[in-house]
Amino acid sequence: MNFSVYEVIMLVCFGFSWPFAILKTIRVKNPAGKSYLFMSLIILGYIAGCIHKILYKYDIVFWLYLFNTLLVLTDLVLCLYYAAKIKKGLNHGQAEN
C-alpha cells in the first residue's frame, strides 16, 4: 500500500500521547484544566481523517485515525464522568477525593 510515512509518524506520536492523558485523568479523578472544546475538535479532526481515508484514499492509516479517535473519546468520556461525579458530590455537600 502507498501511504504517507509522515502522516503515520504524526498519528503514532499522538497515539502515544493520549494514553498518558487518560491515565492522568483516571489518577487524579478531576478534569480541571481539561478543555472539552479542544478534545471535541481533535475528535472532529480525526473523524474527518477517517472519512477522507474511506472516501478518497483508503489505506492502513485509517486504523490509526480510528484508534486515536477512540483514545481521545475515552479521555473525553472520563472527564465528563468525573466532572458529573464532582458536581453531584458538591450538590450533596460532600467533598470528592
Protein backbone atom coordinates (compact mmCIF):
# COMPACT_ATOMS: atom_id res chain seq x y z
CA MET A 1 0.00 0.00 0.00
CA ASN A 2 1.06 3.53 -0.65
CA PHE A 3 0.71 5.78 2.40
CA SER A 4 2.41 8.83 3.85
CA VAL A 5 5.15 7.97 6.34
CA TYR A 6 4.82 11.47 7.80
CA GLU A 7 1.10 11.00 8.42
CA VAL A 8 1.85 7.71 10.15
CA ILE A 9 4.55 9.32 12.32
CA MET A 10 2.17 12.13 13.32
CA LEU A 11 -0.62 9.71 14.25
CA VAL A 12 1.72 7.35 16.12
CA CYS A 13 3.15 10.25 18.15
CA PHE A 14 -0.34 11.47 19.02
CA GLY A 15 -1.39 7.89 19.72
CA PHE A 16 1.42 7.51 22.26
CA SER A 17 0.50 10.80 23.94
CA TRP A 18 -3.20 10.20 24.64
CA PRO A 19 -2.79 7.19 26.96
CA PHE A 20 -0.77 9.43 29.31
CA ALA A 21 -3.63 11.96 29.33
CA ILE A 22 -6.12 9.15 30.02
CA LEU A 23 -4.02 7.77 32.86
CA LYS A 24 -3.72 11.23 34.41
CA THR A 25 -7.49 11.69 34.22
CA ILE A 26 -8.02 8.33 35.93
CA ARG A 27 -5.34 9.02 38.53
CA VAL A 28 -6.49 12.49 39.62
CA LYS A 29 -10.21 11.88 39.01
CA ASN A 30 -10.61 15.59 38.33
CA PRO A 31 -10.89 17.04 34.81
CA ALA A 32 -9.87 20.55 35.95
CA GLY A 33 -7.77 22.16 33.28
CA LYS A 34 -9.01 19.88 30.52
CA SER A 35 -10.68 21.56 27.57
CA TYR A 36 -13.79 19.81 26.29
CA LEU A 37 -13.75 22.06 23.23
CA PHE A 38 -10.13 21.10 22.45
CA MET A 39 -10.83 17.37 22.78
CA SER A 40 -14.00 17.70 20.71
CA LEU A 41 -12.11 19.49 17.93
CA ILE A 42 -9.40 16.81 17.97
CA ILE A 43 -12.08 14.11 17.69
CA LEU A 44 -13.72 16.01 14.82
CA GLY A 45 -10.35 16.24 13.06
CA TYR A 46 -9.71 12.52 13.45
CA ILE A 47 -13.21 11.72 12.18
CA ALA A 48 -12.53 13.94 9.16
CA GLY A 49 -9.31 11.98 8.61
CA CYS A 50 -11.28 8.71 8.77
CA ILE A 51 -13.84 10.00 6.28
CA HIS A 52 -11.10 11.17 3.91
CA LYS A 53 -9.45 7.74 4.07
CA ILE A 54 -12.76 5.98 3.37
CA LEU A 55 -13.84 8.25 0.51
CA TYR A 56 -10.58 9.13 -1.24
CA LYS A 57 -7.54 7.13 -0.20
CA TYR A 58 -8.24 4.11 1.96
CA ASP A 59 -5.10 2.65 3.46
CA ILE A 60 -3.84 1.28 6.76
CA VAL A 61 -3.59 4.81 8.17
CA PHE A 62 -7.40 4.77 8.54
CA TRP A 63 -6.94 2.47 11.54
CA LEU A 64 -4.53 4.93 13.20
CA TYR A 65 -7.12 7.69 12.82
CA LEU A 66 -9.79 5.43 14.28
CA PHE A 67 -7.57 4.31 17.17
CA ASN A 68 -6.65 7.91 18.04
CA THR A 69 -10.31 8.92 17.85
CA LEU A 70 -11.17 6.23 20.39
CA LEU A 71 -8.34 7.33 22.70
CA VAL A 72 -9.44 10.97 22.74
CA LEU A 73 -13.09 9.94 23.07
CA THR A 74 -12.13 7.80 26.07
CA ASP A 75 -10.44 10.76 27.74
CA LEU A 76 -13.43 13.00 26.99
CA VAL A 77 -15.91 10.48 28.43
CA LEU A 78 -13.78 10.05 31.56
CA CYS A 79 -13.60 13.81 32.02
CA LEU A 80 -17.36 14.15 31.68
CA TYR A 81 -17.86 11.26 34.12
CA TYR A 82 -15.56 12.72 36.77
CA ALA A 83 -16.97 16.23 36.30
CA ALA A 84 -20.51 14.89 36.86
CA LYS A 85 -19.33 12.94 39.88
CA ILE A 86 -17.68 16.04 41.37
CA LYS A 87 -20.76 18.16 40.65
CA LYS A 88 -23.03 15.54 42.26
CA GLY A 89 -20.79 15.48 45.33
CA LEU A 90 -20.83 19.26 45.59
CA ASN A 91 -24.59 19.39 45.22
CA HIS A 92 -24.94 16.99 48.12
CA GLY A 93 -22.42 18.86 50.30
CA GLN A 94 -19.77 16.14 50.03
CA ALA A 95 -16.14 16.66 49.12
CA GLU A 96 -14.73 14.42 46.40
CA ASN A 97 -11.25 12.97 46.65
